[in-house]
Amino acid sequence: TKSLLHFDGTDGSKTFTDEAGLIWTPQGTATPELDTAQKYFGTASGLWGSLYGPYLDTPWAARWDLGNCDWTFECFIRPSSTPSNYGLLHVGPSVSNDSFAVVIVNATTIRVRYGASNYNFTVPTIAANTWYHIGITHDNAGETINVYVNGTGSASNPKTVTEHPSTDSGVTTLGYDSSTGSFRGWIDEFRMSNTVRWTENF
């Protein structure tokens, strides 16, 4: 585990404690805050408001270099409305061909941007005001990316990647992607790992 945010704490707090020691800072208008009214585990979750632009960021560190290595990103989400270009994660510089990003394009599509290429994954329907587990894996040996929703792999099957991004600079943003916009709703239990945690439905 290279990053782990439980999103536990006092209602309305804007302090986010990472169990791996990272400092996450709220940014933008109507910055994210803890909300005890909604959570998947623990005492609270992170609430992203309805305005464009709120996110959390953390400075670049070696753990975010996502080139020639295995990794898994996962979290629980509860969109406050039907997703439409909801930025969930961005790693690396703002230049798209040197970054990694996850965007919920619509209720049945999640896009992974890995370097200059975009990979669209067909997923089970993501509805408003419902909790979902989202997982994205990269198998370096097989050069594949896959997306899971509630443990079910994408109907599009794993995608073979053609390049690796240079994510060795910039910042990591959670709940936002500069090319699309902000997530809207709740995020809980965000974790980044340097291993492939699943290779089949779970």
N, C-alpha and C. Protein backbone atom coordinates (compact mmCIF):
# COMPACT_ATOMS: atom_id res chain seq x y z
N THR A 1 0.84 -1.19 0.00
CA THR A 1 0.00 0.00 0.00
C THR A 1 0.88 1.24 0.00
N LYS A 2 0.69 2.10 -1.00
CA LYS A 2 1.48 3.32 -1.14
C LYS A 2 0.71 4.57 -0.75
N SER A 3 -0.60 4.49 -0.73
CA SER A 3 -1.45 5.58 -0.25
C SER A 3 -2.75 4.98 0.24
N LEU A 4 -3.25 5.48 1.38
CA LEU A 4 -4.49 4.97 1.95
C LEU A 4 -5.19 6.08 2.71
N LEU A 5 -6.33 6.51 2.18
CA LEU A 5 -7.16 7.53 2.82
C LEU A 5 -8.44 6.88 3.32
N HIS A 6 -8.64 6.86 4.65
CA HIS A 6 -9.87 6.30 5.21
C HIS A 6 -11.01 7.31 5.20
N PHE A 7 -10.69 8.61 5.13
CA PHE A 7 -11.70 9.68 5.19
C PHE A 7 -12.52 9.60 6.47
N ASP A 8 -11.86 9.31 7.59
CA ASP A 8 -12.52 9.31 8.89
C ASP A 8 -12.19 10.59 9.64
N GLY A 9 -13.11 11.00 10.51
CA GLY A 9 -12.85 12.20 11.30
C GLY A 9 -14.12 12.96 11.61
N THR A 10 -13.96 14.24 11.95
CA THR A 10 -15.06 15.10 12.38
C THR A 10 -15.81 15.67 11.19
N ASP A 11 -17.11 15.72 11.30
CA ASP A 11 -17.94 16.26 10.23
C ASP A 11 -17.51 17.68 9.87
N GLY A 12 -17.31 17.94 8.58
CA GLY A 12 -16.92 19.26 8.11
C GLY A 12 -15.43 19.51 8.12
N SER A 13 -14.64 18.58 8.67
CA SER A 13 -13.19 18.78 8.72
C SER A 13 -12.60 18.75 7.31
N LYS A 14 -11.58 19.56 7.10
CA LYS A 14 -10.85 19.59 5.83
C LYS A 14 -9.43 19.05 6.01
N THR A 15 -9.23 18.23 7.03
CA THR A 15 -7.95 17.56 7.28
C THR A 15 -8.08 16.10 6.87
N PHE A 16 -7.19 15.66 5.97
CA PHE A 16 -7.28 14.32 5.42
C PHE A 16 -5.99 13.58 5.75
N THR A 17 -6.10 12.52 6.55
CA THR A 17 -4.95 11.78 7.04
C THR A 17 -4.70 10.56 6.17
N ASP A 18 -3.51 10.49 5.58
CA ASP A 18 -3.11 9.35 4.77
C ASP A 18 -2.29 8.41 5.64
N GLU A 19 -2.69 7.14 5.68
CA GLU A 19 -2.00 6.17 6.53
C GLU A 19 -0.58 5.90 6.05
N ALA A 20 -0.25 6.30 4.80
CA ALA A 20 1.10 6.12 4.27
C ALA A 20 1.97 7.35 4.48
N GLY A 21 1.42 8.38 5.13
CA GLY A 21 2.22 9.55 5.47
C GLY A 21 2.18 10.69 4.47
N LEU A 22 1.37 10.60 3.42
CA LEU A 22 1.26 11.69 2.44
C LEU A 22 0.43 12.83 2.99
N ILE A 23 0.70 14.04 2.52
CA ILE A 23 -0.08 15.22 2.89
C ILE A 23 -1.01 15.55 1.73
N TRP A 24 -2.31 15.47 1.95
CA TRP A 24 -3.32 15.82 0.95
C TRP A 24 -3.93 17.17 1.33
N THR A 25 -3.97 18.10 0.37
CA THR A 25 -4.44 19.45 0.63
C THR A 25 -5.71 19.74 -0.17
N PRO A 26 -6.78 20.23 0.47
CA PRO A 26 -7.99 20.61 -0.26
C PRO A 26 -7.72 21.82 -1.14
N GLN A 27 -8.25 21.79 -2.37
CA GLN A 27 -8.06 22.87 -3.32
C GLN A 27 -9.38 23.20 -4.00
N GLY A 28 -9.43 24.39 -4.63
CA GLY A 28 -10.57 24.76 -5.45
C GLY A 28 -11.70 25.38 -4.68
N THR A 29 -12.77 25.69 -5.40
CA THR A 29 -13.97 26.26 -4.80
C THR A 29 -14.77 25.16 -4.11
N ALA A 30 -15.33 25.47 -2.94
CA ALA A 30 -16.09 24.48 -2.16
C ALA A 30 -15.25 23.22 -1.97
N THR A 31 -14.10 23.38 -1.34
CA THR A 31 -13.13 22.29 -1.21
C THR A 31 -13.75 21.07 -0.52
N PRO A 32 -13.22 19.87 -0.82
CA PRO A 32 -13.76 18.66 -0.19
C PRO A 32 -13.67 18.73 1.33
N GLU A 33 -14.60 18.07 1.99
CA GLU A 33 -14.61 18.00 3.44
C GLU A 33 -15.16 16.65 3.88
N LEU A 34 -14.92 16.30 5.13
CA LEU A 34 -15.44 15.05 5.67
C LEU A 34 -16.93 15.18 5.97
N ASP A 35 -17.67 14.11 5.69
CA ASP A 35 -19.11 14.10 5.90
C ASP A 35 -19.48 12.82 6.64
N THR A 36 -19.97 12.96 7.88
CA THR A 36 -20.32 11.79 8.68
C THR A 36 -21.69 11.21 8.32
N ALA A 37 -22.45 11.92 7.47
CA ALA A 37 -23.77 11.42 7.10
C ALA A 37 -23.69 10.28 6.09
N GLN A 38 -22.56 10.20 5.36
CA GLN A 38 -22.37 9.15 4.38
C GLN A 38 -20.99 8.53 4.57
N LYS A 39 -20.92 7.22 4.56
CA LYS A 39 -19.64 6.52 4.61
C LYS A 39 -19.87 5.07 4.21
N TYR A 40 -18.81 4.46 3.67
CA TYR A 40 -18.88 3.04 3.36
C TYR A 40 -18.28 2.24 4.51
N PHE A 41 -17.14 2.69 5.03
CA PHE A 41 -16.54 2.14 6.24
C PHE A 41 -16.22 3.30 7.17
N GLY A 42 -16.06 3.00 8.45
CA GLY A 42 -15.56 4.00 9.38
C GLY A 42 -16.60 5.01 9.80
N THR A 43 -16.13 6.25 10.03
CA THR A 43 -16.98 7.28 10.62
C THR A 43 -17.43 8.35 9.63
N ALA A 44 -16.80 8.42 8.45
CA ALA A 44 -17.14 9.49 7.51
C ALA A 44 -16.64 9.11 6.12
N SER A 45 -16.89 9.99 5.18
CA SER A 45 -16.33 9.88 3.83
C SER A 45 -15.97 11.28 3.38
N GLY A 46 -15.30 11.39 2.23
CA GLY A 46 -14.98 12.69 1.67
C GLY A 46 -16.10 13.17 0.76
N LEU A 47 -16.56 14.39 0.97
CA LEU A 47 -17.65 14.95 0.18
C LEU A 47 -17.11 15.98 -0.79
N TRP A 48 -17.36 15.76 -2.09
CA TRP A 48 -17.06 16.72 -3.14
C TRP A 48 -18.37 17.42 -3.49
N GLY A 49 -18.40 18.76 -3.41
CA GLY A 49 -19.64 19.51 -3.62
C GLY A 49 -20.06 19.58 -5.06
N SER A 50 -21.09 20.36 -5.32
CA SER A 50 -21.68 20.45 -6.65
C SER A 50 -20.99 21.46 -7.55
N LEU A 51 -20.04 22.22 -7.02
CA LEU A 51 -19.36 23.23 -7.81
C LEU A 51 -18.18 22.65 -8.57
N TYR A 52 -17.82 23.27 -9.67
CA TYR A 52 -16.69 22.83 -10.48
C TYR A 52 -15.38 23.19 -9.80
N GLY A 53 -14.49 22.25 -9.70
CA GLY A 53 -13.13 22.60 -9.29
C GLY A 53 -12.59 22.06 -7.99
N PRO A 54 -13.39 21.51 -7.03
CA PRO A 54 -12.78 21.04 -5.79
C PRO A 54 -12.00 19.75 -6.00
N TYR A 55 -10.90 19.61 -5.26
CA TYR A 55 -10.12 18.38 -5.32
C TYR A 55 -9.14 18.33 -4.16
N LEU A 56 -8.51 17.18 -3.99
CA LEU A 56 -7.39 17.03 -3.07
C LEU A 56 -6.14 16.82 -3.91
N ASP A 57 -5.01 17.37 -3.46
CA ASP A 57 -3.78 17.06 -4.17
C ASP A 57 -2.65 16.78 -3.19
N THR A 58 -1.65 16.08 -3.71
CA THR A 58 -0.46 15.75 -2.93
C THR A 58 0.74 15.87 -3.86
N PRO A 59 1.88 16.38 -3.36
CA PRO A 59 3.05 16.55 -4.24
C PRO A 59 3.53 15.23 -4.81
N TRP A 60 4.23 15.35 -5.93
CA TRP A 60 4.78 14.14 -6.54
C TRP A 60 5.79 13.48 -5.61
N ALA A 61 5.77 12.15 -5.61
CA ALA A 61 6.77 11.35 -4.91
C ALA A 61 6.99 10.09 -5.74
N ALA A 62 8.06 9.38 -5.47
CA ALA A 62 8.43 8.23 -6.29
C ALA A 62 7.32 7.19 -6.38
N ARG A 63 6.48 7.13 -5.36
CA ARG A 63 5.40 6.14 -5.36
C ARG A 63 4.39 6.37 -6.49
N TRP A 64 4.37 7.57 -7.07
CA TRP A 64 3.41 7.89 -8.12
C TRP A 64 3.99 7.69 -9.52
N ASP A 65 5.19 7.15 -9.64
CA ASP A 65 5.76 6.86 -10.95
C ASP A 65 5.12 5.56 -11.46
N LEU A 66 4.20 5.68 -12.41
CA LEU A 66 3.36 4.55 -12.81
C LEU A 66 3.75 3.97 -14.16
N GLY A 67 5.01 4.08 -14.52
CA GLY A 67 5.46 3.59 -15.81
C GLY A 67 5.58 2.09 -15.86
N ASN A 68 6.79 1.57 -15.78
CA ASN A 68 7.05 0.13 -15.93
C ASN A 68 6.90 -0.59 -14.59
N CYS A 69 5.65 -0.72 -14.12
CA CYS A 69 5.43 -1.37 -12.83
C CYS A 69 3.97 -1.82 -12.73
N ASP A 70 3.71 -2.71 -11.78
CA ASP A 70 2.34 -3.11 -11.46
C ASP A 70 1.73 -2.08 -10.52
N TRP A 71 0.42 -1.89 -10.63
CA TRP A 71 -0.26 -1.03 -9.66
C TRP A 71 -1.76 -1.31 -9.66
N THR A 72 -2.39 -0.90 -8.57
CA THR A 72 -3.85 -0.96 -8.43
C THR A 72 -4.31 0.31 -7.74
N PHE A 73 -5.35 0.93 -8.29
CA PHE A 73 -6.04 2.03 -7.63
C PHE A 73 -7.44 1.56 -7.30
N GLU A 74 -7.94 1.93 -6.13
CA GLU A 74 -9.30 1.56 -5.79
C GLU A 74 -9.90 2.56 -4.80
N CYS A 75 -11.22 2.65 -4.80
CA CYS A 75 -11.93 3.46 -3.82
C CYS A 75 -13.41 3.11 -3.91
N PHE A 76 -14.16 3.57 -2.93
CA PHE A 76 -15.61 3.51 -2.99
C PHE A 76 -16.12 4.89 -3.37
N ILE A 77 -17.11 4.94 -4.25
CA ILE A 77 -17.69 6.22 -4.65
C ILE A 77 -19.21 6.17 -4.50
N ARG A 78 -19.78 7.34 -4.27
CA ARG A 78 -21.24 7.50 -4.24
C ARG A 78 -21.56 8.80 -4.97
N PRO A 79 -21.78 8.74 -6.29
CA PRO A 79 -22.06 9.97 -7.04
C PRO A 79 -23.35 10.62 -6.55
N SER A 80 -23.36 11.95 -6.53
CA SER A 80 -24.58 12.65 -6.11
C SER A 80 -25.55 12.85 -7.26
N SER A 81 -25.11 12.58 -8.48
CA SER A 81 -25.97 12.62 -9.65
C SER A 81 -25.42 11.63 -10.67
N THR A 82 -26.15 11.39 -11.75
CA THR A 82 -25.66 10.49 -12.78
C THR A 82 -24.34 11.02 -13.32
N PRO A 83 -23.25 10.24 -13.29
CA PRO A 83 -21.93 10.76 -13.68
C PRO A 83 -21.90 11.25 -15.13
N SER A 84 -21.21 12.36 -15.31
CA SER A 84 -20.96 12.91 -16.65
C SER A 84 -19.61 13.59 -16.63
N ASN A 85 -18.59 12.92 -17.16
CA ASN A 85 -17.22 13.42 -17.16
C ASN A 85 -16.76 13.80 -15.75
N TYR A 86 -16.94 12.88 -14.83
CA TYR A 86 -16.49 13.06 -13.45
C TYR A 86 -15.02 12.64 -13.35
N GLY A 87 -14.12 13.60 -13.16
CA GLY A 87 -12.72 13.27 -12.95
C GLY A 87 -12.54 12.60 -11.60
N LEU A 88 -11.91 11.43 -11.58
CA LEU A 88 -11.73 10.71 -10.33
C LEU A 88 -10.29 10.76 -9.84
N LEU A 89 -9.33 10.73 -10.77
CA LEU A 89 -7.93 10.71 -10.37
C LEU A 89 -7.06 11.21 -11.51
N HIS A 90 -6.02 11.97 -11.16
CA HIS A 90 -5.04 12.43 -12.16
C HIS A 90 -3.66 12.36 -11.51
N VAL A 91 -2.72 11.74 -12.21
CA VAL A 91 -1.35 11.62 -11.71
C VAL A 91 -0.40 12.14 -12.77
N GLY A 92 0.51 13.03 -12.37
CA GLY A 92 1.53 13.52 -13.29
C GLY A 92 1.28 14.95 -13.72
N PRO A 93 2.06 15.41 -14.70
CA PRO A 93 1.93 16.79 -15.17
C PRO A 93 0.61 16.99 -15.90
N SER A 94 0.27 18.25 -16.15
CA SER A 94 -0.99 18.54 -16.82
C SER A 94 -0.98 18.14 -18.28
N VAL A 95 0.21 17.99 -18.88
CA VAL A 95 0.30 17.55 -20.28
C VAL A 95 -0.23 16.13 -20.38
N SER A 96 -1.24 15.93 -21.24
CA SER A 96 -1.97 14.67 -21.24
C SER A 96 -1.11 13.47 -21.61
N ASN A 97 -0.13 13.64 -22.52
CA ASN A 97 0.63 12.46 -22.94
C ASN A 97 1.71 12.06 -21.95
N ASP A 98 1.78 12.75 -20.82
CA ASP A 98 2.70 12.37 -19.75
C ASP A 98 1.97 12.08 -18.45
N SER A 99 0.69 11.72 -18.53
CA SER A 99 -0.07 11.58 -17.29
C SER A 99 -0.94 10.32 -17.30
N PHE A 100 -1.50 10.07 -16.14
CA PHE A 100 -2.45 8.98 -15.94
C PHE A 100 -3.71 9.60 -15.34
N ALA A 101 -4.87 9.22 -15.84
CA ALA A 101 -6.11 9.77 -15.31
C ALA A 101 -7.23 8.74 -15.40
N VAL A 102 -8.19 8.87 -14.48
CA VAL A 102 -9.40 8.06 -14.48
C VAL A 102 -10.59 9.01 -14.51
N VAL A 103 -11.47 8.83 -15.49
CA VAL A 103 -12.65 9.68 -15.65
C VAL A 103 -13.88 8.79 -15.80
N ILE A 104 -14.93 9.08 -15.02
CA ILE A 104 -16.21 8.40 -15.22
C ILE A 104 -16.96 9.20 -16.28
N VAL A 105 -16.90 8.72 -17.51
CA VAL A 105 -17.44 9.47 -18.65
C VAL A 105 -18.95 9.57 -18.58
N ASN A 106 -19.61 8.46 -18.29
CA ASN A 106 -21.05 8.43 -18.12
C ASN A 106 -21.40 7.22 -17.27
N ALA A 107 -22.67 6.89 -17.16
CA ALA A 107 -23.12 5.86 -16.24
C ALA A 107 -22.58 4.47 -16.57
N THR A 108 -22.12 4.25 -17.81
CA THR A 108 -21.65 2.91 -18.19
C THR A 108 -20.25 2.91 -18.80
N THR A 109 -19.52 4.01 -18.67
CA THR A 109 -18.19 4.11 -19.28
C THR A 109 -17.20 4.75 -18.33
N ILE A 110 -16.07 4.07 -18.12
CA ILE A 110 -14.95 4.64 -17.38
C ILE A 110 -13.77 4.72 -18.33
N ARG A 111 -13.14 5.88 -18.40
CA ARG A 111 -12.00 6.09 -19.29
C ARG A 111 -10.72 6.14 -18.47
N VAL A 112 -9.71 5.41 -18.92
CA VAL A 112 -8.38 5.48 -18.33
C VAL A 112 -7.46 6.11 -19.37
N ARG A 113 -6.86 7.23 -19.01
CA ARG A 113 -5.86 7.86 -19.88
C ARG A 113 -4.49 7.45 -19.37
N TYR A 114 -3.73 6.80 -20.22
CA TYR A 114 -2.41 6.28 -19.84
C TYR A 114 -1.43 6.76 -20.90
N GLY A 115 -0.74 7.84 -20.60
CA GLY A 115 0.09 8.49 -21.60
C GLY A 115 -0.78 9.23 -22.58
N ALA A 116 -0.50 9.11 -23.87
CA ALA A 116 -1.25 9.83 -24.90
C ALA A 116 -2.50 9.08 -25.33
N SER A 117 -2.74 7.90 -24.80
CA SER A 117 -3.85 7.06 -25.24
C SER A 117 -4.98 7.04 -24.22
N ASN A 118 -6.21 7.02 -24.73
CA ASN A 118 -7.40 6.87 -23.91
C ASN A 118 -8.01 5.49 -24.13
N TYR A 119 -8.35 4.82 -23.04
CA TYR A 119 -8.95 3.49 -23.11
C TYR A 119 -10.32 3.56 -22.43
N ASN A 120 -11.37 3.28 -23.19
CA ASN A 120 -12.73 3.31 -22.66
C ASN A 120 -13.17 1.91 -22.26
N PHE A 121 -13.71 1.78 -21.06
CA PHE A 121 -14.16 0.51 -20.53
C PHE A 121 -15.67 0.56 -20.27
N THR A 122 -16.38 -0.42 -20.81
CA THR A 122 -17.81 -0.56 -20.53
C THR A 122 -17.98 -1.25 -19.19
N VAL A 123 -18.77 -0.63 -18.30
CA VAL A 123 -18.91 -1.14 -16.93
C VAL A 123 -20.39 -1.23 -16.57
N PRO A 124 -20.72 -1.99 -15.51
CA PRO A 124 -22.11 -1.99 -15.03
C PRO A 124 -22.57 -0.57 -14.69
N THR A 125 -23.85 -0.31 -14.80
CA THR A 125 -24.39 1.04 -14.62
C THR A 125 -24.06 1.62 -13.25
N ILE A 126 -23.55 2.85 -13.27
CA ILE A 126 -23.24 3.60 -12.04
C ILE A 126 -24.33 4.65 -11.86
N ALA A 127 -25.18 4.45 -10.86
CA ALA A 127 -26.32 5.34 -10.64
C ALA A 127 -26.01 6.34 -9.53
N ALA A 128 -26.84 7.36 -9.45
CA ALA A 128 -26.69 8.38 -8.40
C ALA A 128 -27.08 7.82 -7.04
N ASN A 129 -26.42 8.34 -6.00
CA ASN A 129 -26.77 8.06 -4.61
C ASN A 129 -26.72 6.56 -4.27
N THR A 130 -25.72 5.88 -4.84
CA THR A 130 -25.47 4.47 -4.58
C THR A 130 -23.97 4.27 -4.45
N TRP A 131 -23.55 3.44 -3.50
CA TRP A 131 -22.13 3.18 -3.30
C TRP A 131 -21.63 2.12 -4.29
N TYR A 132 -20.43 2.35 -4.83
CA TYR A 132 -19.78 1.41 -5.73
C TYR A 132 -18.29 1.32 -5.37
N HIS A 133 -17.75 0.12 -5.54
CA HIS A 133 -16.29 -0.04 -5.44
C HIS A 133 -15.73 0.03 -6.86
N ILE A 134 -14.75 0.90 -7.06
CA ILE A 134 -14.08 1.08 -8.35
C ILE A 134 -12.64 0.62 -8.20
N GLY A 135 -12.18 -0.25 -9.09
CA GLY A 135 -10.79 -0.71 -9.06
C GLY A 135 -10.19 -0.67 -10.45
N ILE A 136 -8.95 -0.20 -10.54
CA ILE A 136 -8.22 -0.15 -11.81
C ILE A 136 -6.87 -0.80 -11.60
N THR A 137 -6.51 -1.76 -12.47
CA THR A 137 -5.24 -2.46 -12.33
C THR A 137 -4.39 -2.31 -13.57
N HIS A 138 -3.07 -2.32 -13.37
CA HIS A 138 -2.12 -2.38 -14.49
C HIS A 138 -1.17 -3.55 -14.24
N ASP A 139 -1.20 -4.51 -15.18
CA ASP A 139 -0.32 -5.67 -15.14
C ASP A 139 0.86 -5.38 -16.06
N ASN A 140 2.01 -5.09 -15.48
CA ASN A 140 3.16 -4.68 -16.29
C ASN A 140 3.67 -5.82 -17.17
N ALA A 141 3.64 -7.04 -16.67
CA ALA A 141 4.12 -8.17 -17.47
C ALA A 141 3.24 -8.40 -18.69
N GLY A 142 1.93 -8.28 -18.50
CA GLY A 142 1.02 -8.49 -19.61
C GLY A 142 0.70 -7.23 -20.39
N GLU A 143 1.19 -6.07 -19.89
CA GLU A 143 0.93 -4.77 -20.51
C GLU A 143 -0.57 -4.54 -20.69
N THR A 144 -1.34 -4.81 -19.62
CA THR A 144 -2.78 -4.63 -19.71
C THR A 144 -3.31 -3.78 -18.56
N ILE A 145 -4.42 -3.08 -18.83
CA ILE A 145 -5.17 -2.34 -17.82
C ILE A 145 -6.58 -2.91 -17.79
N ASN A 146 -7.14 -3.05 -16.59
CA ASN A 146 -8.53 -3.46 -16.48
C ASN A 146 -9.24 -2.62 -15.43
N VAL A 147 -10.54 -2.52 -15.56
CA VAL A 147 -11.38 -1.75 -14.65
C VAL A 147 -12.44 -2.68 -14.07
N TYR A 148 -12.65 -2.58 -12.76
CA TYR A 148 -13.65 -3.39 -12.06
C TYR A 148 -14.64 -2.46 -11.35
N VAL A 149 -15.92 -2.81 -11.41
CA VAL A 149 -16.95 -2.13 -10.64
C VAL A 149 -17.65 -3.17 -9.78
N ASN A 150 -17.59 -2.98 -8.46
CA ASN A 150 -18.13 -3.96 -7.51
C ASN A 150 -17.60 -5.36 -7.78
N GLY A 151 -16.33 -5.44 -8.15
CA GLY A 151 -15.67 -6.72 -8.34
C GLY A 151 -15.88 -7.38 -9.68
N THR A 152 -16.64 -6.73 -10.58
CA THR A 152 -16.88 -7.28 -11.91
C THR A 152 -16.02 -6.55 -12.93
N GLY A 153 -15.21 -7.32 -13.67
CA GLY A 153 -14.35 -6.73 -14.67
C GLY A 153 -15.14 -6.15 -15.83
N SER A 154 -14.55 -5.19 -16.50
CA SER A 154 -15.21 -4.52 -17.62
C SER A 154 -15.63 -5.51 -18.69
N ALA A 155 -16.80 -5.25 -19.28
CA ALA A 155 -17.26 -6.06 -20.40
C ALA A 155 -16.38 -5.88 -21.62
N SER A 156 -15.57 -4.81 -21.62
CA SER A 156 -14.65 -4.55 -22.73
C SER A 156 -13.38 -5.39 -22.62
N ASN A 157 -13.22 -6.11 -21.50
CA ASN A 157 -12.04 -6.93 -21.24
C ASN A 157 -10.80 -6.05 -21.04
N PRO A 158 -9.71 -6.64 -20.54
CA PRO A 158 -8.49 -5.84 -20.35
C PRO A 158 -8.02 -5.22 -21.66
N LYS A 159 -7.47 -4.01 -21.56
CA LYS A 159 -6.93 -3.32 -22.73
C LYS A 159 -5.41 -3.45 -22.72
N THR A 160 -4.84 -3.75 -23.88
CA THR A 160 -3.39 -3.78 -24.02
C THR A 160 -2.89 -2.37 -24.23
N VAL A 161 -1.95 -1.93 -23.38
CA VAL A 161 -1.43 -0.57 -23.47
C VAL A 161 -0.26 -0.53 -24.45
N THR A 162 -0.11 0.60 -25.10
CA THR A 162 0.91 0.73 -26.14
C THR A 162 2.08 1.60 -25.71
N GLU A 163 2.01 2.16 -24.50
CA GLU A 163 3.07 3.06 -24.03
C GLU A 163 2.96 3.20 -22.52
N HIS A 164 3.95 3.86 -21.93
CA HIS A 164 3.91 4.19 -20.51
C HIS A 164 4.04 5.71 -20.36
N PRO A 165 3.22 6.30 -19.51
CA PRO A 165 3.34 7.75 -19.31
C PRO A 165 4.54 8.09 -18.45
N SER A 166 4.98 9.33 -18.53
CA SER A 166 6.07 9.82 -17.68
C SER A 166 5.46 10.57 -16.51
N THR A 167 4.97 9.82 -15.53
CA THR A 167 4.29 10.43 -14.39
C THR A 167 5.26 10.77 -13.27
N ASP A 168 6.49 11.15 -13.63
CA ASP A 168 7.51 11.39 -12.61
C ASP A 168 7.67 12.87 -12.28
N SER A 169 6.59 13.62 -12.38
CA SER A 169 6.59 15.04 -11.98
C SER A 169 5.14 15.46 -11.79
N GLY A 170 4.94 16.74 -11.46
CA GLY A 170 3.59 17.23 -11.28
C GLY A 170 3.02 16.85 -9.93
N VAL A 171 1.70 16.77 -9.85
CA VAL A 171 1.02 16.43 -8.60
C VAL A 171 0.01 15.33 -8.86
N THR A 172 -0.50 14.76 -7.77
CA THR A 172 -1.58 13.80 -7.86
C THR A 172 -2.84 14.45 -7.34
N THR A 173 -3.92 14.41 -8.11
CA THR A 173 -5.18 15.00 -7.68
C THR A 173 -6.24 13.92 -7.57
N LEU A 174 -6.99 13.96 -6.50
CA LEU A 174 -8.08 13.02 -6.27
C LEU A 174 -9.41 13.77 -6.39
N GLY A 175 -10.31 13.21 -7.20
CA GLY A 175 -11.60 13.84 -7.40
C GLY A 175 -11.60 14.93 -8.44
N TYR A 176 -10.62 14.90 -9.36
CA TYR A 176 -10.54 15.97 -10.36
C TYR A 176 -9.60 15.55 -11.48
N ASP A 177 -9.92 15.97 -12.69
CA ASP A 177 -9.04 15.85 -13.84
C ASP A 177 -9.15 17.14 -14.62
N SER A 178 -8.03 17.76 -14.94
CA SER A 178 -8.02 19.10 -15.54
C SER A 178 -8.70 19.14 -16.90
N SER A 179 -8.74 18.01 -17.62
CA SER A 179 -9.34 18.01 -18.95
C SER A 179 -10.84 17.74 -18.93
N THR A 180 -11.38 17.35 -17.80
CA THR A 180 -12.81 17.05 -17.74
C THR A 180 -13.52 17.83 -16.64
N GLY A 181 -13.11 17.65 -15.39
CA GLY A 181 -13.77 18.35 -14.30
C GLY A 181 -13.72 17.56 -13.02
N SER A 182 -14.58 17.93 -12.09
CA SER A 182 -14.55 17.36 -10.75
C SER A 182 -15.53 16.22 -10.58
N PHE A 183 -15.19 15.35 -9.64
CA PHE A 183 -16.13 14.38 -9.15
C PHE A 183 -17.18 15.10 -8.30
N ARG A 184 -18.38 14.57 -8.25
CA ARG A 184 -19.44 15.16 -7.42
C ARG A 184 -20.11 14.06 -6.62
N GLY A 185 -19.97 14.14 -5.32
CA GLY A 185 -20.51 13.12 -4.44
C GLY A 185 -19.52 12.76 -3.37
N TRP A 186 -19.47 11.49 -2.99
CA TRP A 186 -18.67 11.02 -1.87
C TRP A 186 -17.63 9.99 -2.32
N ILE A 187 -16.46 10.05 -1.72
CA ILE A 187 -15.39 9.08 -1.95
C ILE A 187 -14.95 8.54 -0.60
N ASP A 188 -14.71 7.24 -0.52
CA ASP A 188 -14.27 6.63 0.73
C ASP A 188 -13.21 5.57 0.42
N GLU A 189 -12.32 5.36 1.38
CA GLU A 189 -11.33 4.28 1.35
C GLU A 189 -10.53 4.24 0.04
N PHE A 190 -9.84 5.32 -0.25
CA PHE A 190 -8.98 5.38 -1.44
C PHE A 190 -7.66 4.69 -1.13
N ARG A 191 -7.23 3.80 -2.02
CA ARG A 191 -5.96 3.10 -1.82
C ARG A 191 -5.21 2.93 -3.14
N MET A 192 -3.90 3.16 -3.10
CA MET A 192 -3.02 2.87 -4.22
C MET A 192 -2.02 1.81 -3.77
N SER A 193 -1.83 0.78 -4.60
CA SER A 193 -0.94 -0.33 -4.27
C SER A 193 0.06 -0.54 -5.40
N ASN A 194 1.23 -1.08 -5.07
CA ASN A 194 2.23 -1.37 -6.10
C ASN A 194 2.21 -2.85 -6.48
N THR A 195 1.00 -3.38 -6.61
CA THR A 195 0.79 -4.77 -7.02
C THR A 195 -0.53 -4.86 -7.76
N VAL A 196 -0.73 -5.92 -8.52
CA VAL A 196 -2.02 -6.18 -9.16
C VAL A 196 -2.86 -6.99 -8.18
N ARG A 197 -3.88 -6.39 -7.61
CA ARG A 197 -4.64 -7.06 -6.55
C ARG A 197 -5.65 -8.06 -7.08
N TRP A 198 -6.11 -7.90 -8.32
CA TRP A 198 -7.07 -8.87 -8.88
C TRP A 198 -6.72 -9.11 -10.35
N THR A 199 -6.91 -10.36 -10.76
CA THR A 199 -6.78 -10.72 -12.16
C THR A 199 -8.06 -11.36 -12.69
N GLU A 200 -9.09 -11.45 -11.82
CA GLU A 200 -10.38 -11.98 -12.21
C GLU A 200 -11.44 -11.36 -11.31
N ASN A 201 -12.70 -11.64 -11.58
CA ASN A 201 -13.77 -11.08 -10.77
C ASN A 201 -13.62 -11.51 -9.31
N PHE A 202 -14.04 -10.64 -8.42
CA PHE A 202 -13.87 -10.92 -6.99
C PHE A 202 -15.07 -10.44 -6.21
